Amino acid sequence: MKTMILAAALLLTAGLVQAQNVTVDADRKLNVDFSKYKTYTWASQVDNRLDPGFYFLNDLTLKKRIRDAVGFALDGRGYKLTRQSPDLLVNFRVFEKPTTIKGFTGYGTTYFGVGEVREPEDVTTFDVKAGSIILNLVDTKTGQVVWRGLASGLTNANGFDRDENRIRQAVNLIFEKYPYRADNL
């Protein structure tokens, strides 16, 4: 009996240690009325089989796990998945290796950078750690990222930790930083 209690305590401790390894951060666009968002759809790269890019992890099983976890989190907040005039476009990227991303300060005028005029001082870089998921919610009417969540530290001895429970845990931690609901509960 003591062995079973000790084993259970060790498993619980190991789970807590794993949870502590995940670092989460989020940012939102200022002056946005999140109560107007009720529906979402997936960005094409989330639905496509291939995710082009050198730093992105191409693993269809992992992509499905993340998509399912994000969909579950949004559905649980009252958002409805639709392809007909959605309010939000959901996009995420998975980074297996550390990298530095060049971007702009603020969110700019459009998510995809079409027709933007930027000054050299607007450029910034930020480091993305190995084992990171970056999740963007984009307003489909303006093309602007209105909310961004990041979970990092999803690594194990083999690289990116593809464990389904770890993925769900990381996505849940990201959405703990998202206080908005579509159903206004």
N, C-alpha and C. Protein backbone atom coordinates (compact mmCIF):
# COMPACT_ATOMS: atom_id res chain seq x y z
N MET A 1 0.82 -1.20 0.00
CA MET A 1 0.00 0.00 0.00
C MET A 1 0.86 1.26 0.00
N LYS A 2 1.92 1.22 0.83
CA LYS A 2 2.82 2.38 0.88
C LYS A 2 3.49 2.60 -0.47
N THR A 3 3.79 1.51 -1.18
CA THR A 3 4.42 1.61 -2.49
C THR A 3 3.48 2.29 -3.48
N MET A 4 2.20 1.94 -3.42
CA MET A 4 1.22 2.56 -4.33
C MET A 4 1.06 4.04 -4.03
N ILE A 5 1.03 4.40 -2.76
CA ILE A 5 0.90 5.82 -2.39
C ILE A 5 2.13 6.58 -2.84
N LEU A 6 3.31 6.00 -2.64
CA LEU A 6 4.55 6.64 -3.05
C LEU A 6 4.59 6.80 -4.57
N ALA A 7 4.17 5.76 -5.30
CA ALA A 7 4.14 5.84 -6.76
C ALA A 7 3.17 6.92 -7.23
N ALA A 8 2.01 7.01 -6.61
CA ALA A 8 1.03 8.05 -6.97
C ALA A 8 1.58 9.43 -6.68
N ALA A 9 2.26 9.59 -5.55
CA ALA A 9 2.85 10.88 -5.20
C ALA A 9 3.93 11.26 -6.20
N LEU A 10 4.74 10.31 -6.62
CA LEU A 10 5.79 10.58 -7.61
C LEU A 10 5.19 10.97 -8.96
N LEU A 11 4.13 10.29 -9.37
CA LEU A 11 3.48 10.65 -10.64
C LEU A 11 2.88 12.05 -10.57
N LEU A 12 2.26 12.38 -9.45
CA LEU A 12 1.70 13.71 -9.28
C LEU A 12 2.80 14.76 -9.32
N THR A 13 3.89 14.51 -8.64
CA THR A 13 5.02 15.44 -8.63
C THR A 13 5.60 15.59 -10.03
N ALA A 14 5.75 14.48 -10.75
CA ALA A 14 6.29 14.55 -12.10
C ALA A 14 5.37 15.38 -13.00
N GLY A 15 4.06 15.22 -12.84
CA GLY A 15 3.11 16.01 -13.62
C GLY A 15 3.21 17.48 -13.30
N LEU A 16 3.39 17.82 -12.03
CA LEU A 16 3.53 19.23 -11.65
C LEU A 16 4.81 19.82 -12.19
N VAL A 17 5.90 19.05 -12.16
CA VAL A 17 7.17 19.53 -12.69
C VAL A 17 7.03 19.79 -14.18
N GLN A 18 6.36 18.87 -14.90
CA GLN A 18 6.16 19.08 -16.33
C GLN A 18 5.35 20.34 -16.58
N ALA A 19 4.31 20.56 -15.81
CA ALA A 19 3.46 21.74 -16.00
C ALA A 19 4.25 23.02 -15.77
N GLN A 20 5.20 22.97 -14.86
CA GLN A 20 5.98 24.16 -14.56
C GLN A 20 6.95 24.49 -15.69
N ASN A 21 7.28 23.53 -16.55
CA ASN A 21 8.22 23.77 -17.63
C ASN A 21 7.60 24.56 -18.77
N VAL A 22 6.31 24.61 -18.84
CA VAL A 22 5.63 25.34 -19.90
C VAL A 22 5.48 26.81 -19.49
N THR A 23 5.98 27.68 -20.33
CA THR A 23 5.86 29.12 -20.11
C THR A 23 4.81 29.66 -21.06
N VAL A 24 3.92 30.48 -20.55
CA VAL A 24 2.83 30.99 -21.36
C VAL A 24 2.82 32.51 -21.29
N ASP A 25 2.50 33.12 -22.42
CA ASP A 25 2.38 34.57 -22.49
C ASP A 25 1.28 34.89 -23.50
N ALA A 26 0.72 36.06 -23.40
CA ALA A 26 -0.33 36.48 -24.34
C ALA A 26 -0.31 37.99 -24.46
N ASP A 27 -0.82 38.45 -25.57
CA ASP A 27 -0.92 39.88 -25.82
C ASP A 27 -2.17 40.11 -26.65
N ARG A 28 -2.75 41.28 -26.50
CA ARG A 28 -3.95 41.60 -27.28
C ARG A 28 -3.83 42.99 -27.86
N LYS A 29 -4.56 43.20 -28.93
CA LYS A 29 -4.62 44.53 -29.53
C LYS A 29 -5.49 45.40 -28.63
N LEU A 30 -5.03 46.59 -28.38
CA LEU A 30 -5.77 47.51 -27.54
C LEU A 30 -7.00 48.03 -28.27
N ASN A 31 -7.96 48.47 -27.51
CA ASN A 31 -9.17 49.11 -28.05
C ASN A 31 -9.97 48.21 -29.00
N VAL A 32 -10.03 46.92 -28.69
CA VAL A 32 -10.82 45.98 -29.48
C VAL A 32 -11.96 45.48 -28.61
N ASP A 33 -13.16 45.49 -29.17
CA ASP A 33 -14.34 44.98 -28.48
C ASP A 33 -14.48 43.49 -28.78
N PHE A 34 -13.99 42.65 -27.88
CA PHE A 34 -14.00 41.21 -28.10
C PHE A 34 -15.42 40.63 -28.03
N SER A 35 -16.37 41.37 -27.51
CA SER A 35 -17.74 40.86 -27.43
C SER A 35 -18.38 40.72 -28.81
N LYS A 36 -17.82 41.35 -29.83
CA LYS A 36 -18.38 41.25 -31.18
C LYS A 36 -17.99 39.96 -31.88
N TYR A 37 -17.04 39.21 -31.34
CA TYR A 37 -16.60 37.97 -31.96
C TYR A 37 -17.43 36.80 -31.45
N LYS A 38 -18.04 36.08 -32.38
CA LYS A 38 -18.90 34.94 -32.03
C LYS A 38 -18.50 33.67 -32.77
N THR A 39 -17.83 33.80 -33.93
CA THR A 39 -17.52 32.65 -34.76
C THR A 39 -16.05 32.65 -35.14
N TYR A 40 -15.58 31.49 -35.57
CA TYR A 40 -14.19 31.37 -36.01
C TYR A 40 -14.07 30.34 -37.13
N THR A 41 -12.95 30.40 -37.82
CA THR A 41 -12.57 29.39 -38.80
C THR A 41 -11.06 29.22 -38.72
N TRP A 42 -10.56 28.19 -39.38
CA TRP A 42 -9.13 27.90 -39.36
C TRP A 42 -8.44 28.54 -40.55
N ALA A 43 -7.23 29.03 -40.34
CA ALA A 43 -6.40 29.53 -41.44
C ALA A 43 -6.08 28.35 -42.36
N SER A 44 -5.84 28.63 -43.61
CA SER A 44 -5.61 27.56 -44.58
C SER A 44 -4.41 26.69 -44.20
N GLN A 45 -3.37 27.27 -43.63
CA GLN A 45 -2.20 26.46 -43.28
C GLN A 45 -2.50 25.48 -42.16
N VAL A 46 -3.51 25.76 -41.35
CA VAL A 46 -3.90 24.83 -40.28
C VAL A 46 -4.60 23.62 -40.88
N ASP A 47 -5.36 23.82 -41.95
CA ASP A 47 -6.08 22.73 -42.60
C ASP A 47 -5.25 22.00 -43.65
N ASN A 48 -4.23 22.67 -44.21
CA ASN A 48 -3.42 22.03 -45.25
C ASN A 48 -2.54 20.93 -44.69
N ARG A 49 -2.15 20.04 -45.54
CA ARG A 49 -1.28 18.95 -45.12
C ARG A 49 0.14 19.43 -44.83
N LEU A 50 0.64 20.36 -45.58
CA LEU A 50 2.01 20.84 -45.39
C LEU A 50 2.00 22.24 -44.79
N ASP A 51 2.96 22.48 -43.94
CA ASP A 51 3.13 23.79 -43.32
C ASP A 51 4.47 24.31 -43.79
N PRO A 52 4.48 25.11 -44.87
CA PRO A 52 5.76 25.53 -45.43
C PRO A 52 6.54 26.41 -44.45
N GLY A 53 7.82 26.21 -44.46
CA GLY A 53 8.68 27.02 -43.61
C GLY A 53 9.74 26.16 -42.94
N PHE A 54 10.94 26.66 -42.91
CA PHE A 54 12.07 25.91 -42.38
C PHE A 54 11.96 25.65 -40.89
N TYR A 55 11.44 26.60 -40.13
CA TYR A 55 11.42 26.49 -38.67
C TYR A 55 10.15 25.83 -38.13
N PHE A 56 9.18 25.62 -38.99
CA PHE A 56 7.91 25.07 -38.55
C PHE A 56 7.97 23.55 -38.54
N LEU A 57 7.31 22.97 -37.59
CA LEU A 57 7.28 21.52 -37.45
C LEU A 57 6.16 20.96 -38.31
N ASN A 58 6.50 20.06 -39.22
CA ASN A 58 5.51 19.42 -40.09
C ASN A 58 5.18 18.04 -39.54
N ASP A 59 4.13 17.97 -38.78
CA ASP A 59 3.68 16.72 -38.18
C ASP A 59 2.16 16.79 -38.14
N LEU A 60 1.52 16.02 -39.01
CA LEU A 60 0.06 16.10 -39.14
C LEU A 60 -0.67 15.67 -37.88
N THR A 61 -0.14 14.68 -37.18
CA THR A 61 -0.78 14.24 -35.94
C THR A 61 -0.70 15.34 -34.89
N LEU A 62 0.46 15.96 -34.76
CA LEU A 62 0.62 17.05 -33.81
C LEU A 62 -0.29 18.22 -34.17
N LYS A 63 -0.34 18.55 -35.44
CA LYS A 63 -1.20 19.65 -35.89
C LYS A 63 -2.66 19.38 -35.54
N LYS A 64 -3.10 18.15 -35.72
CA LYS A 64 -4.48 17.79 -35.38
C LYS A 64 -4.71 17.91 -33.88
N ARG A 65 -3.75 17.47 -33.08
CA ARG A 65 -3.89 17.58 -31.63
C ARG A 65 -4.02 19.03 -31.19
N ILE A 66 -3.21 19.89 -31.76
CA ILE A 66 -3.29 21.32 -31.41
C ILE A 66 -4.60 21.91 -31.88
N ARG A 67 -4.98 21.61 -33.12
CA ARG A 67 -6.24 22.12 -33.67
C ARG A 67 -7.43 21.66 -32.82
N ASP A 68 -7.43 20.39 -32.42
CA ASP A 68 -8.51 19.88 -31.58
C ASP A 68 -8.54 20.58 -30.22
N ALA A 69 -7.38 20.79 -29.62
CA ALA A 69 -7.31 21.44 -28.30
C ALA A 69 -7.76 22.90 -28.39
N VAL A 70 -7.33 23.60 -29.43
CA VAL A 70 -7.74 25.00 -29.61
C VAL A 70 -9.23 25.07 -29.90
N GLY A 71 -9.72 24.19 -30.77
CA GLY A 71 -11.15 24.17 -31.06
C GLY A 71 -11.98 23.88 -29.83
N PHE A 72 -11.53 22.96 -29.00
CA PHE A 72 -12.22 22.64 -27.76
C PHE A 72 -12.26 23.86 -26.83
N ALA A 73 -11.13 24.59 -26.74
CA ALA A 73 -11.08 25.78 -25.89
C ALA A 73 -12.01 26.87 -26.41
N LEU A 74 -12.04 27.08 -27.71
CA LEU A 74 -12.92 28.11 -28.27
C LEU A 74 -14.39 27.70 -28.15
N ASP A 75 -14.69 26.45 -28.48
CA ASP A 75 -16.07 25.96 -28.37
C ASP A 75 -16.56 26.09 -26.93
N GLY A 76 -15.69 25.78 -25.98
CA GLY A 76 -16.05 25.88 -24.56
C GLY A 76 -16.31 27.30 -24.11
N ARG A 77 -15.84 28.26 -24.88
CA ARG A 77 -16.08 29.68 -24.59
C ARG A 77 -17.24 30.23 -25.41
N GLY A 78 -17.97 29.35 -26.06
CA GLY A 78 -19.17 29.75 -26.78
C GLY A 78 -18.95 30.14 -28.23
N TYR A 79 -17.74 30.04 -28.75
CA TYR A 79 -17.48 30.36 -30.16
C TYR A 79 -17.96 29.22 -31.03
N LYS A 80 -18.41 29.55 -32.23
CA LYS A 80 -18.92 28.55 -33.18
C LYS A 80 -18.01 28.50 -34.40
N LEU A 81 -17.65 27.29 -34.78
CA LEU A 81 -16.85 27.08 -35.98
C LEU A 81 -17.76 27.23 -37.20
N THR A 82 -17.34 28.05 -38.15
CA THR A 82 -18.11 28.25 -39.37
C THR A 82 -17.17 28.62 -40.51
N ARG A 83 -17.58 28.32 -41.71
CA ARG A 83 -16.82 28.75 -42.89
C ARG A 83 -17.52 29.93 -43.57
N GLN A 84 -18.73 30.23 -43.12
CA GLN A 84 -19.52 31.32 -43.70
C GLN A 84 -19.34 32.60 -42.90
N SER A 85 -18.56 33.52 -43.38
CA SER A 85 -18.34 34.84 -42.75
C SER A 85 -17.95 34.75 -41.28
N PRO A 86 -16.86 34.06 -40.96
CA PRO A 86 -16.44 33.98 -39.55
C PRO A 86 -15.90 35.31 -39.06
N ASP A 87 -15.97 35.52 -37.76
CA ASP A 87 -15.44 36.74 -37.16
C ASP A 87 -13.93 36.67 -36.95
N LEU A 88 -13.44 35.47 -36.59
CA LEU A 88 -12.02 35.28 -36.28
C LEU A 88 -11.41 34.20 -37.16
N LEU A 89 -10.19 34.45 -37.57
CA LEU A 89 -9.38 33.46 -38.26
C LEU A 89 -8.36 32.95 -37.25
N VAL A 90 -8.31 31.64 -37.05
CA VAL A 90 -7.41 31.05 -36.06
C VAL A 90 -6.21 30.44 -36.79
N ASN A 91 -5.03 30.86 -36.38
CA ASN A 91 -3.80 30.37 -36.98
C ASN A 91 -2.81 30.03 -35.87
N PHE A 92 -2.05 28.98 -36.06
CA PHE A 92 -0.98 28.68 -35.11
C PHE A 92 0.22 28.14 -35.85
N ARG A 93 1.36 28.28 -35.23
CA ARG A 93 2.61 27.74 -35.75
C ARG A 93 3.31 27.01 -34.62
N VAL A 94 4.02 25.95 -34.98
CA VAL A 94 4.75 25.14 -34.01
C VAL A 94 6.22 25.22 -34.36
N PHE A 95 7.04 25.56 -33.37
CA PHE A 95 8.48 25.69 -33.58
C PHE A 95 9.21 24.60 -32.81
N GLU A 96 9.91 23.75 -33.56
CA GLU A 96 10.67 22.68 -32.93
C GLU A 96 12.06 23.17 -32.52
N LYS A 97 12.59 24.13 -33.26
CA LYS A 97 13.93 24.65 -33.00
C LYS A 97 13.83 26.10 -32.58
N PRO A 98 14.80 26.58 -31.80
CA PRO A 98 14.77 27.99 -31.43
C PRO A 98 15.06 28.84 -32.67
N THR A 99 14.46 29.99 -32.70
CA THR A 99 14.68 30.90 -33.82
C THR A 99 14.42 32.32 -33.37
N THR A 100 14.86 33.24 -34.17
CA THR A 100 14.55 34.65 -33.96
C THR A 100 13.64 35.09 -35.08
N ILE A 101 12.54 35.68 -34.72
CA ILE A 101 11.57 36.14 -35.71
C ILE A 101 11.68 37.65 -35.83
N LYS A 102 11.72 38.10 -37.05
CA LYS A 102 11.73 39.54 -37.31
C LYS A 102 10.29 39.97 -37.51
N GLY A 103 9.90 40.98 -36.82
CA GLY A 103 8.54 41.46 -36.94
C GLY A 103 8.50 42.97 -36.77
N PHE A 104 7.34 43.45 -36.54
CA PHE A 104 7.14 44.88 -36.36
C PHE A 104 6.60 45.14 -34.97
N THR A 105 6.90 46.28 -34.44
CA THR A 105 6.30 46.65 -33.18
C THR A 105 4.83 46.89 -33.42
N GLY A 106 4.00 46.53 -32.48
CA GLY A 106 2.56 46.65 -32.66
C GLY A 106 2.07 45.62 -33.66
N TYR A 107 0.82 45.71 -34.04
CA TYR A 107 0.24 44.73 -34.94
C TYR A 107 0.14 45.19 -36.37
N GLY A 108 0.40 46.44 -36.64
CA GLY A 108 0.34 46.90 -38.02
C GLY A 108 -1.08 47.04 -38.52
N THR A 109 -1.19 47.33 -39.80
CA THR A 109 -2.51 47.56 -40.36
C THR A 109 -3.15 46.28 -40.87
N THR A 110 -2.36 45.28 -41.21
CA THR A 110 -2.94 44.02 -41.64
C THR A 110 -2.09 42.86 -41.13
N TYR A 111 -2.73 41.74 -40.99
CA TYR A 111 -2.04 40.54 -40.50
C TYR A 111 -1.00 40.05 -41.49
N PHE A 112 -1.29 40.14 -42.77
CA PHE A 112 -0.41 39.59 -43.78
C PHE A 112 0.56 40.60 -44.35
N GLY A 113 0.51 41.84 -43.93
CA GLY A 113 1.49 42.83 -44.34
C GLY A 113 1.25 43.41 -45.73
N VAL A 114 0.10 43.20 -46.32
CA VAL A 114 -0.18 43.70 -47.66
C VAL A 114 -0.42 45.20 -47.59
N GLY A 115 0.33 45.94 -48.36
CA GLY A 115 0.14 47.38 -48.46
C GLY A 115 0.57 48.17 -47.23
N GLU A 116 1.34 47.59 -46.36
CA GLU A 116 1.77 48.31 -45.16
C GLU A 116 2.94 49.21 -45.48
N VAL A 117 2.98 50.33 -44.82
CA VAL A 117 4.13 51.22 -44.90
C VAL A 117 4.75 51.23 -43.52
N ARG A 118 5.99 50.80 -43.44
CA ARG A 118 6.68 50.71 -42.17
C ARG A 118 7.95 51.55 -42.21
N GLU A 119 8.31 52.03 -41.08
CA GLU A 119 9.56 52.76 -40.92
C GLU A 119 10.59 51.81 -40.34
N PRO A 120 11.89 52.05 -40.58
CA PRO A 120 12.93 51.15 -40.05
C PRO A 120 12.87 50.98 -38.53
N GLU A 121 12.47 52.01 -37.82
CA GLU A 121 12.41 51.90 -36.36
C GLU A 121 11.23 51.05 -35.89
N ASP A 122 10.31 50.68 -36.79
CA ASP A 122 9.19 49.83 -36.42
C ASP A 122 9.58 48.36 -36.34
N VAL A 123 10.74 48.00 -36.88
CA VAL A 123 11.17 46.61 -36.92
C VAL A 123 11.71 46.18 -35.56
N THR A 124 11.34 44.98 -35.17
CA THR A 124 11.84 44.41 -33.93
C THR A 124 12.09 42.93 -34.15
N THR A 125 12.83 42.32 -33.27
CA THR A 125 13.01 40.87 -33.32
C THR A 125 12.67 40.30 -31.95
N PHE A 126 12.25 39.05 -31.95
CA PHE A 126 12.04 38.38 -30.68
C PHE A 126 12.41 36.91 -30.83
N ASP A 127 12.88 36.35 -29.75
CA ASP A 127 13.33 34.96 -29.74
C ASP A 127 12.17 34.03 -29.43
N VAL A 128 12.11 32.95 -30.19
CA VAL A 128 11.14 31.90 -29.95
C VAL A 128 11.94 30.68 -29.53
N LYS A 129 11.62 30.15 -28.39
CA LYS A 129 12.34 28.98 -27.88
C LYS A 129 11.89 27.72 -28.59
N ALA A 130 12.73 26.71 -28.55
CA ALA A 130 12.36 25.40 -29.08
C ALA A 130 11.16 24.90 -28.29
N GLY A 131 10.26 24.21 -28.97
CA GLY A 131 9.08 23.67 -28.30
C GLY A 131 8.04 24.73 -28.03
N SER A 132 7.80 25.60 -29.00
CA SER A 132 6.84 26.69 -28.82
C SER A 132 5.67 26.58 -29.78
N ILE A 133 4.52 27.01 -29.29
CA ILE A 133 3.31 27.15 -30.11
C ILE A 133 2.92 28.63 -30.05
N ILE A 134 2.77 29.25 -31.21
CA ILE A 134 2.26 30.62 -31.27
C ILE A 134 0.87 30.54 -31.89
N LEU A 135 -0.11 31.09 -31.20
CA LEU A 135 -1.50 31.06 -31.62
C LEU A 135 -1.96 32.49 -31.87
N ASN A 136 -2.50 32.75 -33.06
CA ASN A 136 -3.00 34.07 -33.41
C ASN A 136 -4.50 34.01 -33.70
N LEU A 137 -5.22 34.99 -33.18
CA LEU A 137 -6.62 35.20 -33.54
C LEU A 137 -6.67 36.49 -34.34
N VAL A 138 -7.18 36.38 -35.55
CA VAL A 138 -7.18 37.49 -36.50
C VAL A 138 -8.61 37.92 -36.78
N ASP A 139 -8.87 39.22 -36.69
CA ASP A 139 -10.17 39.77 -37.06
C ASP A 139 -10.29 39.67 -38.58
N THR A 140 -11.27 38.94 -39.08
CA THR A 140 -11.39 38.71 -40.52
C THR A 140 -11.81 39.96 -41.29
N LYS A 141 -12.43 40.90 -40.63
CA LYS A 141 -12.84 42.13 -41.32
C LYS A 141 -11.68 43.10 -41.50
N THR A 142 -10.79 43.18 -40.52
CA THR A 142 -9.68 44.13 -40.59
C THR A 142 -8.36 43.48 -40.97
N GLY A 143 -8.26 42.15 -40.83
CA GLY A 143 -7.02 41.46 -41.11
C GLY A 143 -5.97 41.64 -40.02
N GLN A 144 -6.36 42.19 -38.88
CA GLN A 144 -5.42 42.45 -37.79
C GLN A 144 -5.45 41.33 -36.76
N VAL A 145 -4.25 41.01 -36.25
CA VAL A 145 -4.17 40.10 -35.12
C VAL A 145 -4.72 40.85 -33.92
N VAL A 146 -5.75 40.29 -33.30
CA VAL A 146 -6.35 40.95 -32.14
C VAL A 146 -5.90 40.31 -30.83
N TRP A 147 -5.41 39.06 -30.93
CA TRP A 147 -4.92 38.38 -29.73
C TRP A 147 -3.90 37.34 -30.14
N ARG A 148 -2.84 37.25 -29.35
CA ARG A 148 -1.76 36.29 -29.62
C ARG A 148 -1.40 35.59 -28.32
N GLY A 149 -1.32 34.26 -28.37
CA GLY A 149 -0.89 33.48 -27.22
C GLY A 149 0.34 32.65 -27.59
N LEU A 150 1.19 32.42 -26.60
CA LEU A 150 2.42 31.67 -26.81
C LEU A 150 2.62 30.71 -25.66
N ALA A 151 2.93 29.47 -25.99
CA ALA A 151 3.34 28.48 -25.00
C ALA A 151 4.70 27.97 -25.44
N SER A 152 5.67 27.99 -24.54
CA SER A 152 6.99 27.46 -24.86
C SER A 152 7.42 26.49 -23.78
N GLY A 153 8.42 25.69 -24.10
CA GLY A 153 8.90 24.69 -23.16
C GLY A 153 8.34 23.32 -23.40
N LEU A 154 7.70 23.11 -24.54
CA LEU A 154 7.13 21.79 -24.86
C LEU A 154 8.18 20.90 -25.51
N THR A 155 9.20 20.56 -24.76
CA THR A 155 10.26 19.73 -25.29
C THR A 155 10.49 18.52 -24.38
N ASN A 156 11.07 17.51 -24.98
CA ASN A 156 11.56 16.35 -24.23
C ASN A 156 12.87 15.93 -24.88
N ALA A 157 13.40 14.80 -24.53
CA ALA A 157 14.70 14.37 -25.04
C ALA A 157 14.69 14.18 -26.56
N ASN A 158 13.52 13.99 -27.15
CA ASN A 158 13.41 13.77 -28.60
C ASN A 158 13.04 15.02 -29.38
N GLY A 159 13.00 16.17 -28.76
CA GLY A 159 12.61 17.39 -29.45
C GLY A 159 11.27 17.88 -28.94
N PHE A 160 10.37 18.26 -29.84
CA PHE A 160 9.05 18.77 -29.47
C PHE A 160 8.26 17.66 -28.81
N ASP A 161 7.65 17.96 -27.68
CA ASP A 161 6.86 16.97 -26.94
C ASP A 161 5.48 16.85 -27.59
N ARG A 162 5.23 15.74 -28.25
CA ARG A 162 3.98 15.52 -28.99
C ARG A 162 2.90 14.84 -28.14
N ASP A 163 3.16 14.66 -26.87
CA ASP A 163 2.19 14.00 -25.99
C ASP A 163 0.88 14.77 -25.99
N GLU A 164 -0.21 14.05 -26.24
CA GLU A 164 -1.53 14.69 -26.36
C GLU A 164 -1.92 15.46 -25.09
N ASN A 165 -1.63 14.88 -23.93
CA ASN A 165 -1.96 15.58 -22.67
C ASN A 165 -1.14 16.85 -22.50
N ARG A 166 0.12 16.82 -22.89
CA ARG A 166 0.96 18.03 -22.78
C ARG A 166 0.46 19.12 -23.73
N ILE A 167 0.04 18.71 -24.92
CA ILE A 167 -0.49 19.68 -25.89
C ILE A 167 -1.76 20.32 -25.33
N ARG A 168 -2.68 19.50 -24.83
CA ARG A 168 -3.91 20.04 -24.25
C ARG A 168 -3.61 20.97 -23.08
N GLN A 169 -2.67 20.55 -22.25
CA GLN A 169 -2.29 21.37 -21.09
C GLN A 169 -1.74 22.72 -21.55
N ALA A 170 -0.87 22.72 -22.55
CA ALA A 170 -0.28 23.97 -23.04
C ALA A 170 -1.35 24.89 -23.63
N VAL A 171 -2.25 24.32 -24.42
CA VAL A 171 -3.33 25.12 -25.01
C VAL A 171 -4.25 25.66 -23.91
N ASN A 172 -4.56 24.85 -22.92
CA ASN A 172 -5.38 25.33 -21.81
C ASN A 172 -4.70 26.47 -21.07
N LEU A 173 -3.39 26.36 -20.87
CA LEU A 173 -2.65 27.44 -20.22
C LEU A 173 -2.67 28.73 -21.06
N ILE A 174 -2.57 28.56 -22.37
CA ILE A 174 -2.67 29.73 -23.25
C ILE A 174 -4.03 30.40 -23.07
N PHE A 175 -5.09 29.59 -23.09
CA PHE A 175 -6.43 30.15 -23.02
C PHE A 175 -6.81 30.65 -21.62
N GLU A 176 -6.05 30.30 -20.61
CA GLU A 176 -6.25 30.93 -19.31
C GLU A 176 -5.94 32.42 -19.38
N LYS A 177 -5.15 32.81 -20.39
CA LYS A 177 -4.81 34.22 -20.62
C LYS A 177 -5.82 34.91 -21.53
N TYR A 178 -6.82 34.18 -21.98
CA TYR A 178 -7.84 34.72 -22.88
C TYR A 178 -9.16 34.84 -22.11
N PRO A 179 -9.48 36.01 -21.58
CA PRO A 179 -10.64 36.15 -20.71
C PRO A 179 -11.98 36.36 -21.42
N TYR A 180 -12.01 36.26 -22.73
CA TYR A 180 -13.20 36.61 -23.49
C TYR A 180 -14.03 35.37 -23.82
N ARG A 181 -15.34 35.59 -23.95
CA ARG A 181 -16.28 34.54 -24.29
C ARG A 181 -17.23 35.06 -25.36
N ALA A 182 -17.71 34.15 -26.19
CA ALA A 182 -18.70 34.52 -27.20
C ALA A 182 -20.11 34.44 -26.64
N ASP A 183 -20.28 33.63 -25.59
CA ASP A 183 -21.62 33.44 -25.04
C ASP A 183 -21.91 34.35 -23.86
N ASN A 184 -20.98 35.21 -23.50
CA ASN A 184 -21.14 36.20 -22.43
C ASN A 184 -21.57 35.61 -21.09
N LEU A 185 -21.11 34.41 -20.79
CA LEU A 185 -21.42 33.81 -19.47
C LEU A 185 -20.60 34.42 -18.38
